[in-house]
Amino acid sequence: MLSALNVGNGGAVTCESIDDSSLSSISHLEVELVSPFPRILVQSKKRTAVPQVVRDRKLNFDKAVLRQLTHAAPDHLFSIAIMGQLYIGRVVAALDDSRQPLPIGAITPSTTVFHHIDAPSSSSSSSLTSTLDWKAAWDAFPWHERMLQAGLAGYDHLVDQLVLHIRLALSQDHPAITARGLLVQGVGGVGKSLLLQALRQQLTDLHVPVVLTDGHTLRLEADMSTAFPSPSAFLAHHLRLLDDDAAGCGVFLVDNVDALVEDDGHLTPLGRSLLQVLDTWTERGRALAIVATSSMKPLPTSMTRTGRLERLYRMEVPTEAMRLAIADRFLADTALAAALAGATGGYVGKDLCKIVRHATAMAKLNHLDAPTWLDLVSGILLYGPSGCGKTMLVRGLAAVSNANFVQVQALVRPGRMDQMLEVGYPSPADRLAIFRQYTKAMPLAADVDLAAVSASMHDDATVTGAMIHAICKDAALRALRESEAATSVAQRHFSQAAVSAPSRR
C-alpha cells in the first residue's frame, strides 16, 4: 500500500482521527480506478487495465463503491474489491448538495457516484471536476444569441424546449420527467439540419460530448463496413465518444432518422440497435438523443413509445414574425426585411435564403460593368537568358493553379503575347538564396561559407540558377571522388567546382 501511495523506504504516513458527527454528507462523488493491487502480480501487459465487465458497464460499479466506502476526501486513495481482485482507486472530487467541494465527507446511500473507467480525469473534457460550475455556465450561456449567430432564427421557443431536456438529462435532477429521446419533425427546408448543427456547435463550446450524424450516412456506412460483426457493434463504435465518458454522458444528434425505417414500416437492424441504446440510457447514464425527420409519415410505435423517442416537437412553417426574424438575419434594411416577410407566406427558411441570395446576385450583375476584350490579357511572355528559371517558373505556376503545361513555340510570335516580363540573371542575394536551396539537403562541413562561394565565382554577372545547381552537384561528386566514405562536402570542393564552372561568355 505504501508503494501505491508513492511513499519510499523511510517515509512517514500521518493518520488523523476525525469525528463522524462533524462530517457533511457527500452528494456527488467522482472516482477513478488507478490500477490493480499489487501491480506486480497482475499478469497483463496493461497493468492499469480494469475488468472488462466494468468497461462494458455490466457491473454496477456505483453500488460497489457505496458498499465498500464510508468516507472520502479529494485525492484520497482507497482500495476496492472487484471480481475477487483488489484495485486502487482515487477520489477526484467530493461535492455537497450545493455543488461545493468538501475537504472530507461521509458517503451515504443517496450519494451519486461518477466514475472514470477508460481515461484519467485530468484529460477528460467533460468530467465532473472540469465542470464543477457547469450548471452556472449553462444558465449564463446566451443560447438565443449563439443560435442566431449559427444561422438559426425564429425558433427560440423550440430551442428553449430542447435545451431544457438536454439539461435535465445531463444533470439527472428530475429523472422522472427526463426524456432520453426527442423527435423534431418538419417539412424540408424548415431548418432541422441547421438546428442540429447549431446545437452541436454550442454543446461543444460547453464541453458536452456530442455526436452528430445523418441517418442515410449512418445506414450506408453500416452496410458497407466489414470491420464490425453486427449493427450494434457499429453503432457502439460510432458512439464511443459518449460511452467513454463517465456514466455515459453526452448528446446524440441524428438527422433524417426516417432512413433507419424500411419502406414497409419495419425498423432496420441499425434502427433496432438505436432503440437498444435508448433503453440503456433510460436505465442509467446522462445522455439523450435528438433526432430529426422530414417525413410526415408516423414512425413505428416501437420508436415513439415511452423511454425512447417519447417527445415530439414540430418545427412548423414559419409565421410572418418568424420570417421577419429570419429575414433580419440576411438583410440590414429593416423595412426591406419586413416587406419580404409579408410577401412570402408559406415560405420556409431555405426559401428565404435562396431569395436573398438570388437577389444579391442580380444586384451585383446589374451594377457590374461589362468586360471588354481590351480588359483581358492575351498572354504573358517571359524572356531572358537560358538557365534563369523561366521554364521552372511556368511549371510551378501551372502546378499551383492546377493547369496544364504545354510548350508551343508558335505562341511566342508577335501579337500573341501582349505582356513581356524579363527573367534576368540573379542578383548576389538571389544567388546566395539559390545556393542555400540546392544545398538544403546536402551534408555540409563546418568550414563551408556559401556567401564566399557565391562571391568567388569568375563572372558574377552571368551566373544562372542552372549553373549554381551544376556547381552544387559537382562539389558533391568531388567529395565522393575524394573518398567514398565522405560524410560531408567541404569548402574546397565548392571552390574547385566554382573555378571549373564554364563561363557563359
Protein backbone atom coordinates (compact mmCIF):
# COMPACT_ATOMS: atom_id res chain seq x y z
CA MET A 1 0.00 0.00 0.00
CA LEU A 2 2.88 2.36 0.74
CA SER A 3 4.21 1.87 -2.78
CA ALA A 4 0.78 2.77 -4.17
CA LEU A 5 0.96 5.95 -2.09
CA ASN A 6 4.42 6.68 -3.55
CA VAL A 7 5.96 6.52 -0.06
CA GLY A 8 9.57 5.33 -0.23
CA ASN A 9 11.63 3.49 2.33
CA GLY A 10 11.99 5.53 5.48
CA GLY A 11 8.95 7.67 4.66
CA ALA A 12 6.24 8.54 7.13
CA VAL A 13 2.46 8.49 6.90
CA THR A 14 0.38 10.71 9.19
CA CYS A 15 -3.04 9.50 10.34
CA GLU A 16 -5.73 11.79 11.75
CA SER A 17 -8.83 10.79 13.70
CA ILE A 18 -11.98 12.73 12.73
CA ASP A 19 -15.34 12.74 14.47
CA ASP A 20 -18.02 11.30 12.15
CA SER A 21 -20.71 13.56 13.55
CA SER A 22 -18.93 16.66 12.26
CA LEU A 23 -18.75 15.44 8.65
CA SER A 24 -21.11 16.58 5.92
CA SER A 25 -22.74 14.10 3.58
CA ILE A 26 -21.31 13.79 0.07
CA SER A 27 -23.93 14.43 -2.61
CA HIS A 28 -21.72 13.87 -5.69
CA LEU A 29 -18.62 11.69 -5.60
CA GLU A 30 -16.25 11.33 -8.55
CA VAL A 31 -13.72 8.48 -8.50
CA GLU A 32 -11.38 6.71 -10.89
CA LEU A 33 -9.63 3.36 -10.84
CA VAL A 34 -5.85 3.70 -10.86
CA SER A 35 -4.56 0.12 -11.15
CA PRO A 36 -4.90 -3.40 -9.78
CA PHE A 37 -3.14 -4.08 -6.48
CA PRO A 38 -0.45 -5.27 -6.22
CA ARG A 39 0.52 -4.33 -9.77
CA ILE A 40 3.45 -6.74 -9.98
CA LEU A 41 1.13 -9.75 -9.55
CA VAL A 42 -1.17 -8.76 -12.41
CA GLN A 43 -0.28 -10.80 -15.49
CA SER A 44 -1.12 -8.24 -18.11
CA LYS A 45 0.84 -6.04 -20.47
CA LYS A 46 -1.51 -3.23 -19.49
CA ARG A 47 -1.39 -3.33 -15.73
CA THR A 48 -3.63 -0.31 -15.42
CA ALA A 49 -6.46 -2.20 -17.13
CA VAL A 50 -9.71 -2.66 -15.24
CA PRO A 51 -12.08 -5.63 -15.63
CA GLN A 52 -13.95 -5.82 -18.90
CA VAL A 53 -17.26 -6.03 -17.04
CA VAL A 54 -16.52 -2.59 -15.61
CA ARG A 55 -15.54 -1.21 -19.02
CA ASP A 56 -18.75 -2.60 -20.54
CA ARG A 57 -20.67 -1.29 -17.50
CA LYS A 58 -22.20 -4.70 -16.90
CA LEU A 59 -21.13 -4.48 -13.27
CA ASN A 60 -22.82 -1.86 -11.09
CA PHE A 61 -19.66 -0.04 -10.10
CA ASP A 62 -21.60 2.66 -8.25
CA LYS A 63 -23.09 0.18 -5.78
CA ALA A 64 -19.67 -1.40 -5.24
CA VAL A 65 -18.26 1.99 -4.25
CA LEU A 66 -21.18 2.81 -1.95
CA ARG A 67 -20.99 -0.60 -0.33
CA GLN A 68 -17.26 -0.57 0.39
CA LEU A 69 -16.53 3.10 1.15
CA THR A 70 -17.79 5.13 4.09
CA HIS A 71 -15.78 8.37 3.82
CA ALA A 72 -13.92 10.17 1.06
CA ALA A 73 -11.69 13.19 0.51
CA PRO A 74 -10.22 14.72 -2.68
CA ASP A 75 -7.10 12.85 -3.89
CA HIS A 76 -7.82 10.15 -1.32
CA LEU A 77 -6.57 6.70 -2.41
CA PHE A 78 -8.77 3.76 -1.50
CA SER A 79 -8.93 0.03 -2.14
CA ILE A 80 -11.95 -1.70 -3.64
CA ALA A 81 -12.59 -5.36 -4.44
CA ILE A 82 -13.97 -6.14 -7.89
CA MET A 83 -14.50 -9.70 -9.11
CA GLY A 84 -12.18 -11.02 -6.40
CA GLN A 85 -9.34 -8.67 -7.39
CA LEU A 86 -8.21 -5.74 -5.27
CA TYR A 87 -7.92 -2.38 -7.04
CA ILE A 88 -6.56 1.01 -6.04
CA GLY A 89 -8.88 3.93 -6.71
CA ARG A 90 -8.62 7.69 -6.30
CA VAL A 91 -11.22 10.25 -5.26
CA VAL A 92 -11.29 13.02 -7.86
CA ALA A 93 -13.92 15.25 -6.27
CA ALA A 94 -16.40 15.23 -3.39
CA LEU A 95 -19.24 17.77 -3.52
CA ASP A 96 -22.10 18.64 -1.19
CA ASP A 97 -25.72 19.38 -2.14
CA SER A 98 -24.81 22.90 -3.30
CA ARG A 99 -22.02 21.56 -5.55
CA GLN A 100 -19.31 22.94 -3.26
CA PRO A 101 -16.10 20.90 -2.74
CA LEU A 102 -15.75 19.14 0.60
CA PRO A 103 -12.36 18.56 2.27
CA ILE A 104 -13.77 15.30 3.65
CA GLY A 105 -17.27 13.88 3.81
CA ALA A 106 -19.39 10.87 4.62
CA ILE A 107 -20.74 8.59 1.90
CA THR A 108 -24.45 7.82 2.20
CA PRO A 109 -26.82 5.62 0.15
CA SER A 110 -28.06 8.78 -1.59
CA THR A 111 -24.57 9.71 -2.83
CA THR A 112 -24.32 9.88 -6.62
CA VAL A 113 -21.14 8.28 -7.94
CA PHE A 114 -19.42 9.37 -11.16
CA HIS A 115 -16.55 7.19 -12.28
CA HIS A 116 -13.85 7.36 -14.99
CA ILE A 117 -13.05 3.99 -16.50
CA ASP A 118 -11.05 4.48 -19.66
CA ALA A 119 -9.50 7.95 -19.36
CA PRO A 120 -7.92 9.67 -16.37
CA SER A 121 -9.82 12.59 -15.01
CA SER A 122 -7.09 15.09 -15.82
CA SER A 123 -7.73 14.68 -19.55
CA SER A 124 -11.49 14.24 -19.56
CA SER A 125 -13.04 17.33 -21.08
CA SER A 126 -16.49 16.51 -19.77
CA SER A 127 -15.65 15.19 -16.30
CA LEU A 128 -17.38 16.47 -13.20
CA THR A 129 -14.20 18.13 -11.93
CA SER A 130 -13.72 20.13 -15.11
CA THR A 131 -17.36 21.26 -14.96
CA LEU A 132 -17.91 21.87 -11.25
CA ASP A 133 -19.85 25.01 -12.16
CA TRP A 134 -21.31 23.70 -15.40
CA LYS A 135 -24.86 24.48 -14.32
CA ALA A 136 -23.98 28.11 -13.69
CA ALA A 137 -22.17 28.24 -17.03
CA TRP A 138 -25.19 26.62 -18.69
CA ASP A 139 -27.63 29.12 -17.18
CA ALA A 140 -25.42 32.05 -18.18
CA PHE A 141 -24.91 30.74 -21.72
CA PRO A 142 -26.57 33.07 -24.30
CA TRP A 143 -28.42 30.35 -26.19
CA HIS A 144 -30.61 32.62 -28.33
CA GLU A 145 -27.73 34.86 -29.40
CA ARG A 146 -25.40 31.95 -30.13
CA MET A 147 -28.04 30.05 -32.10
CA LEU A 148 -28.74 33.23 -34.08
CA GLN A 149 -25.03 33.58 -34.85
CA ALA A 150 -25.06 29.98 -36.07
CA GLY A 151 -27.83 30.90 -38.54
CA LEU A 152 -30.99 29.70 -36.76
CA ALA A 153 -33.61 32.43 -36.24
CA GLY A 154 -37.28 32.50 -35.34
CA TYR A 155 -37.42 29.25 -33.34
CA ASP A 156 -36.45 30.45 -29.86
CA HIS A 157 -39.31 28.54 -28.19
CA LEU A 158 -38.20 25.24 -29.75
CA VAL A 159 -34.59 25.92 -28.74
CA ASP A 160 -35.72 26.56 -25.15
CA GLN A 161 -37.56 23.22 -25.04
CA LEU A 162 -34.62 21.23 -26.40
CA VAL A 163 -32.11 22.97 -24.13
CA LEU A 164 -34.32 22.22 -21.12
CA HIS A 165 -34.42 18.50 -21.89
CA ILE A 166 -30.67 18.39 -22.53
CA ARG A 167 -30.04 19.96 -19.15
CA LEU A 168 -32.42 17.54 -17.41
CA ALA A 169 -30.65 14.57 -18.98
CA LEU A 170 -27.16 15.81 -18.13
CA SER A 171 -27.93 16.87 -14.56
CA GLN A 172 -30.26 13.99 -13.58
CA ASP A 173 -32.02 16.37 -11.20
CA HIS A 174 -35.51 15.14 -12.17
CA PRO A 175 -35.21 11.60 -13.60
CA ALA A 176 -38.99 11.10 -13.51
CA ILE A 177 -39.59 13.75 -16.20
CA THR A 178 -36.34 13.31 -18.12
CA ALA A 179 -36.72 12.12 -21.72
CA ARG A 180 -33.93 10.15 -23.38
CA GLY A 181 -35.17 10.70 -26.93
CA LEU A 182 -36.58 13.79 -28.67
CA LEU A 183 -38.08 13.81 -32.16
CA VAL A 184 -38.09 17.00 -34.27
CA GLN A 185 -40.41 16.82 -37.27
CA GLY A 186 -40.82 19.37 -40.05
CA VAL A 187 -41.07 19.83 -43.79
CA GLY A 188 -37.96 20.02 -45.92
CA GLY A 189 -36.04 23.29 -45.76
CA VAL A 190 -37.55 24.45 -42.47
CA GLY A 191 -34.17 24.29 -40.70
CA LYS A 192 -33.91 20.93 -38.91
CA SER A 193 -30.37 20.20 -40.09
CA LEU A 194 -29.31 23.74 -39.21
CA LEU A 195 -30.86 23.29 -35.76
CA LEU A 196 -28.85 20.13 -35.09
CA GLN A 197 -25.64 21.69 -36.38
CA ALA A 198 -26.14 24.78 -34.22
CA LEU A 199 -26.84 22.61 -31.16
CA ARG A 200 -23.67 20.62 -31.83
CA GLN A 201 -21.61 23.81 -32.00
CA GLN A 202 -22.97 25.25 -28.75
CA LEU A 203 -22.71 21.95 -26.83
CA THR A 204 -19.10 21.64 -27.96
CA ASP A 205 -18.41 25.13 -26.60
CA LEU A 206 -19.89 23.98 -23.27
CA HIS A 207 -17.59 20.90 -23.28
CA VAL A 208 -20.51 18.47 -23.56
CA PRO A 209 -19.68 15.34 -25.61
CA VAL A 210 -21.82 15.37 -28.74
CA VAL A 211 -22.05 13.16 -31.85
CA LEU A 212 -23.81 14.44 -34.99
CA THR A 213 -24.62 12.13 -37.88
CA ASP A 214 -27.12 11.62 -40.68
CA GLY A 215 -29.42 8.61 -40.96
CA HIS A 216 -28.59 7.98 -44.62
CA THR A 217 -24.85 8.21 -43.96
CA LEU A 218 -25.11 6.04 -40.87
CA ARG A 219 -27.02 3.32 -42.71
CA LEU A 220 -24.70 3.40 -45.72
CA GLU A 221 -21.60 3.12 -43.53
CA ALA A 222 -23.13 0.23 -41.58
CA ASP A 223 -23.97 -1.63 -44.81
CA MET A 224 -20.55 -1.04 -46.37
CA SER A 225 -18.38 -1.63 -43.31
CA THR A 226 -16.93 -5.10 -42.76
CA ALA A 227 -14.99 -4.26 -39.60
CA PHE A 228 -17.92 -4.87 -37.25
CA PRO A 229 -19.81 -8.13 -36.75
CA SER A 230 -23.21 -6.52 -36.21
CA PRO A 231 -25.04 -3.18 -36.47
CA SER A 232 -24.96 -2.96 -32.68
CA ALA A 233 -21.16 -3.11 -32.68
CA PHE A 234 -21.03 -0.50 -35.45
CA LEU A 235 -23.31 1.86 -33.53
CA ALA A 236 -21.36 1.30 -30.31
CA HIS A 237 -18.18 2.28 -32.17
CA HIS A 238 -19.94 5.35 -33.56
CA LEU A 239 -20.99 6.39 -30.05
CA ARG A 240 -17.65 5.64 -28.40
CA LEU A 241 -17.23 9.34 -27.54
CA LEU A 242 -20.33 9.16 -25.35
CA ASP A 243 -19.61 5.69 -23.93
CA ASP A 244 -16.06 6.58 -22.91
CA ASP A 245 -17.33 9.38 -20.73
CA ALA A 246 -18.18 8.80 -17.10
CA ALA A 247 -21.57 7.06 -16.81
CA GLY A 248 -22.27 7.67 -20.48
CA CYS A 249 -22.69 11.44 -20.78
CA GLY A 250 -23.47 13.38 -23.93
CA VAL A 251 -25.92 14.13 -26.73
CA PHE A 252 -26.50 12.06 -29.89
CA LEU A 253 -27.88 14.10 -32.83
CA VAL A 254 -29.33 12.21 -35.82
CA ASP A 255 -30.68 13.91 -38.93
CA ASN A 256 -33.05 12.06 -41.30
CA VAL A 257 -33.79 9.32 -38.79
CA ASP A 258 -36.50 8.00 -41.13
CA ALA A 259 -33.67 6.43 -43.14
CA LEU A 260 -33.47 3.80 -40.37
CA VAL A 261 -37.02 2.65 -41.22
CA GLU A 262 -37.79 0.31 -44.12
CA ASP A 263 -40.41 1.17 -46.74
CA ASP A 264 -42.82 -1.34 -45.19
CA GLY A 265 -42.61 0.43 -41.82
CA HIS A 266 -40.29 -2.04 -40.10
CA LEU A 267 -37.07 -0.96 -38.45
CA THR A 268 -33.70 -1.74 -39.97
CA PRO A 269 -31.17 -3.62 -37.80
CA LEU A 270 -29.42 -0.30 -37.21
CA GLY A 271 -32.72 1.25 -36.10
CA ARG A 272 -33.27 -1.55 -33.60
CA SER A 273 -29.74 -1.03 -32.28
CA LEU A 274 -30.53 2.66 -31.75
CA LEU A 275 -33.57 1.70 -29.66
CA GLN A 276 -31.39 -0.59 -27.55
CA VAL A 277 -29.07 2.34 -26.89
CA LEU A 278 -32.03 4.50 -25.81
CA ASP A 279 -33.22 1.74 -23.48
CA THR A 280 -29.75 1.59 -21.92
CA TRP A 281 -29.69 5.35 -21.40
CA THR A 282 -33.12 5.20 -19.75
CA GLU A 283 -31.78 2.84 -17.09
CA ARG A 284 -28.55 4.68 -16.46
CA GLY A 285 -26.33 7.36 -17.91
CA ARG A 286 -26.57 11.10 -18.58
CA ALA A 287 -27.23 11.03 -22.30
CA LEU A 288 -30.06 11.59 -24.73
CA ALA A 289 -30.73 11.51 -28.46
CA ILE A 290 -32.29 14.27 -30.56
CA VAL A 291 -33.39 13.06 -33.99
CA ALA A 292 -35.00 14.88 -36.90
CA THR A 293 -37.13 13.75 -39.81
CA SER A 294 -38.73 15.39 -42.83
CA SER A 295 -41.20 12.55 -43.35
CA MET A 296 -44.77 13.32 -42.40
CA LYS A 297 -45.48 9.60 -42.00
CA PRO A 298 -45.61 8.49 -38.38
CA LEU A 299 -42.62 6.50 -37.22
CA PRO A 300 -43.13 2.95 -35.93
CA THR A 301 -44.70 2.86 -32.49
CA SER A 302 -41.69 0.93 -31.21
CA MET A 303 -39.62 4.10 -31.73
CA THR A 304 -42.02 6.60 -30.20
CA ARG A 305 -43.09 4.75 -27.07
CA THR A 306 -42.19 5.95 -23.57
CA GLY A 307 -38.47 5.77 -22.82
CA ARG A 308 -37.42 6.15 -26.45
CA LEU A 309 -38.43 8.99 -28.80
CA GLU A 310 -41.23 9.89 -26.43
CA ARG A 311 -41.46 13.64 -27.09
CA LEU A 312 -42.37 15.10 -30.47
CA TYR A 313 -41.61 18.70 -31.42
CA ARG A 314 -42.93 20.02 -34.72
CA MET A 315 -40.79 22.58 -36.48
CA GLU A 316 -43.64 24.43 -38.14
CA VAL A 317 -43.54 26.53 -41.29
CA PRO A 318 -42.50 29.98 -40.03
CA THR A 319 -45.12 32.62 -39.36
CA GLU A 320 -44.71 36.22 -40.53
CA ALA A 321 -42.97 37.17 -37.28
CA MET A 322 -40.62 34.21 -37.63
CA ARG A 323 -39.97 35.06 -41.29
CA LEU A 324 -39.13 38.61 -40.20
CA ALA A 325 -36.56 37.25 -37.73
CA ILE A 326 -35.09 35.06 -40.48
CA ALA A 327 -35.01 37.95 -42.97
CA ASP A 328 -33.30 40.20 -40.42
CA ARG A 329 -30.57 37.57 -40.32
CA PHE A 330 -29.79 38.27 -44.00
CA LEU A 331 -30.85 41.89 -44.57
CA ALA A 332 -29.62 45.04 -42.84
CA ASP A 333 -32.62 47.09 -44.05
CA THR A 334 -35.45 46.52 -41.55
CA ALA A 335 -38.12 47.86 -43.92
CA LEU A 336 -36.95 45.57 -46.71
CA ALA A 337 -36.94 42.60 -44.32
CA ALA A 338 -40.50 43.39 -43.23
CA ALA A 339 -41.65 43.64 -46.84
CA LEU A 340 -40.01 40.31 -47.67
CA ALA A 341 -41.58 38.63 -44.62
CA GLY A 342 -45.03 39.95 -45.54
CA ALA A 343 -44.85 38.81 -49.16
CA THR A 344 -43.57 35.27 -48.57
CA GLY A 345 -46.41 33.50 -46.78
CA GLY A 346 -45.80 29.74 -46.64
CA TYR A 347 -42.08 30.05 -47.36
CA VAL A 348 -39.57 28.22 -45.18
CA GLY A 349 -36.12 29.36 -44.11
CA LYS A 350 -34.31 27.79 -47.05
CA ASP A 351 -36.68 29.54 -49.48
CA LEU A 352 -35.95 32.92 -47.89
CA CYS A 353 -32.22 32.23 -48.04
CA LYS A 354 -32.48 31.38 -51.73
CA ILE A 355 -34.48 34.55 -52.47
CA VAL A 356 -31.93 36.78 -50.75
CA ARG A 357 -29.01 35.03 -52.44
CA HIS A 358 -30.51 35.34 -55.92
CA ALA A 359 -31.48 38.97 -55.33
CA THR A 360 -27.94 39.77 -54.22
CA ALA A 361 -26.53 38.11 -57.33
CA MET A 362 -28.90 40.06 -59.60
CA ALA A 363 -27.99 43.35 -57.89
CA LYS A 364 -24.30 42.71 -58.40
CA LEU A 365 -24.92 41.73 -62.02
CA ASN A 366 -26.93 44.90 -62.76
CA HIS A 367 -24.26 47.21 -61.30
CA LEU A 368 -21.26 45.41 -62.78
CA ASP A 369 -19.56 46.92 -65.82
CA ALA A 370 -19.46 44.54 -68.75
CA PRO A 371 -15.88 43.46 -69.50
CA THR A 372 -14.43 44.01 -72.97
CA TRP A 373 -11.68 42.21 -74.82
CA LEU A 374 -9.44 45.20 -74.13
CA ASP A 375 -9.68 44.40 -70.40
CA LEU A 376 -8.35 40.90 -70.88
CA VAL A 377 -4.68 39.98 -71.15
CA SER A 378 -3.98 37.72 -74.10
CA GLY A 379 -0.80 36.30 -72.66
CA ILE A 380 2.48 36.95 -70.86
CA LEU A 381 5.89 36.29 -72.40
CA LEU A 382 8.86 35.54 -70.15
CA TYR A 383 12.23 36.15 -71.77
CA GLY A 384 15.80 36.05 -70.61
CA PRO A 385 18.99 34.01 -70.87
CA SER A 386 18.67 30.25 -70.67
CA GLY A 387 19.10 28.69 -67.25
CA CYS A 388 17.49 31.55 -65.33
CA GLY A 389 14.39 29.53 -64.36
CA LYS A 390 11.76 30.58 -66.90
CA THR A 391 10.55 27.05 -67.54
CA MET A 392 10.70 26.19 -63.85
CA LEU A 393 8.64 29.29 -63.01
CA VAL A 394 5.95 28.41 -65.55
CA ARG A 395 5.85 24.80 -64.39
CA GLY A 396 5.41 25.95 -60.80
CA LEU A 397 2.60 28.34 -61.74
CA ALA A 398 0.86 25.56 -63.67
CA ALA A 399 1.11 23.20 -60.71
CA VAL A 400 -0.24 25.75 -58.24
CA SER A 401 -3.17 26.76 -60.48
CA ASN A 402 -3.97 23.14 -61.50
CA ALA A 403 -3.37 23.99 -65.16
CA ASN A 404 -1.66 22.04 -67.91
CA PHE A 405 1.87 22.94 -69.01
CA VAL A 406 2.32 22.75 -72.78
CA GLN A 407 5.34 24.00 -74.72
CA VAL A 408 4.23 25.54 -78.04
CA GLN A 409 6.77 27.62 -79.96
CA ALA A 410 4.07 29.27 -82.08
CA LEU A 411 2.72 31.12 -79.05
CA VAL A 412 5.75 33.43 -78.90
CA ARG A 413 5.04 35.04 -82.25
CA PRO A 414 4.50 38.85 -82.20
CA GLY A 415 0.99 39.95 -81.26
CA ARG A 416 0.07 36.83 -79.31
CA MET A 417 1.73 37.78 -76.04
CA ASP A 418 1.00 41.38 -75.03
CA GLN A 419 2.89 41.29 -71.72
CA MET A 420 6.65 40.75 -71.65
CA LEU A 421 8.46 40.04 -68.39
CA GLU A 422 12.22 39.60 -68.28
CA VAL A 423 13.67 36.86 -66.10
CA GLY A 424 17.29 38.07 -65.88
CA TYR A 425 20.39 36.89 -64.10
CA PRO A 426 20.03 36.50 -60.33
CA SER A 427 21.35 39.23 -58.06
CA PRO A 428 24.03 38.45 -55.41
CA ALA A 429 21.31 37.94 -52.79
CA ASP A 430 19.37 35.70 -55.18
CA ARG A 431 22.49 33.64 -55.92
CA LEU A 432 23.05 33.05 -52.22
CA ALA A 433 19.40 32.02 -51.79
CA ILE A 434 19.72 29.59 -54.73
CA PHE A 435 22.88 28.11 -53.21
CA ARG A 436 21.08 27.57 -49.92
CA GLN A 437 18.12 25.96 -51.66
CA TYR A 438 20.23 23.44 -53.56
CA THR A 439 22.37 22.61 -50.51
CA LYS A 440 19.45 22.30 -48.10
CA ALA A 441 19.52 18.50 -48.20
CA MET A 442 23.31 18.27 -48.58
CA PRO A 443 25.56 17.47 -45.58
CA LEU A 444 27.94 20.44 -45.38
CA ALA A 445 31.19 20.64 -43.47
CA ALA A 446 31.68 23.26 -40.79
CA ASP A 447 34.02 25.33 -42.99
CA VAL A 448 31.52 25.83 -45.82
CA ASP A 449 30.73 29.51 -46.49
CA LEU A 450 28.14 29.74 -49.26
CA ALA A 451 28.39 33.53 -49.38
CA ALA A 452 32.12 33.27 -50.10
CA VAL A 453 31.48 30.65 -52.78
CA SER A 454 28.91 32.90 -54.44
CA ALA A 455 31.26 35.93 -54.37
CA SER A 456 34.27 34.00 -55.70
CA MET A 457 32.69 32.91 -58.97
CA HIS A 458 34.58 34.05 -62.03
CA ASP A 459 31.82 36.12 -63.65
CA ASP A 460 29.09 37.24 -61.30
CA ALA A 461 27.06 38.99 -63.98
CA THR A 462 26.32 35.82 -65.98
CA VAL A 463 25.74 33.26 -63.23
CA THR A 464 22.38 31.50 -63.63
CA GLY A 465 20.39 29.23 -61.36
CA ALA A 466 21.18 26.25 -63.56
CA MET A 467 24.92 26.99 -63.22
CA ILE A 468 24.61 27.15 -59.42
CA HIS A 469 22.82 23.80 -59.46
CA ALA A 470 25.62 22.33 -61.54
CA ILE A 471 28.25 23.71 -59.13
CA CYS A 472 26.50 22.11 -56.13
CA LYS A 473 26.27 18.74 -57.88
CA ASP A 474 29.91 18.97 -58.99
CA ALA A 475 31.03 19.76 -55.43
CA ALA A 476 29.19 16.72 -54.10
CA LEU A 477 30.73 14.48 -56.77
CA ARG A 478 34.22 15.82 -55.97
CA ALA A 479 33.71 14.90 -52.32
CA LEU A 480 32.75 11.34 -53.31
CA ARG A 481 35.65 11.02 -55.74
CA GLU A 482 38.00 12.09 -52.97
CA SER A 483 36.63 9.45 -50.60
CA GLU A 484 33.66 7.13 -50.97
CA ALA A 485 33.29 7.25 -47.18
CA ALA A 486 32.89 11.04 -47.17
CA THR A 487 30.10 12.26 -44.90
CA SER A 488 30.10 15.94 -45.84
CA VAL A 489 31.03 18.40 -48.59
CA ALA A 490 33.84 20.80 -47.68
CA GLN A 491 34.61 24.37 -48.74
CA ARG A 492 37.42 23.26 -51.04
CA HIS A 493 35.02 21.14 -53.08
CA PHE A 494 32.78 24.17 -53.74
CA SER A 495 35.80 26.35 -54.60
CA GLN A 496 37.09 23.79 -57.10
CA ALA A 497 33.64 23.36 -58.65
CA ALA A 498 33.17 27.14 -58.94
CA VAL A 499 36.54 27.59 -60.66
CA SER A 500 35.85 24.82 -63.16
CA ALA A 501 32.31 26.02 -63.91
CA PRO A 502 32.07 27.06 -67.59
CA SER A 503 31.58 30.74 -68.34
CA ARG A 504 28.63 31.89 -70.44
CA ARG A 505 30.77 34.37 -72.40
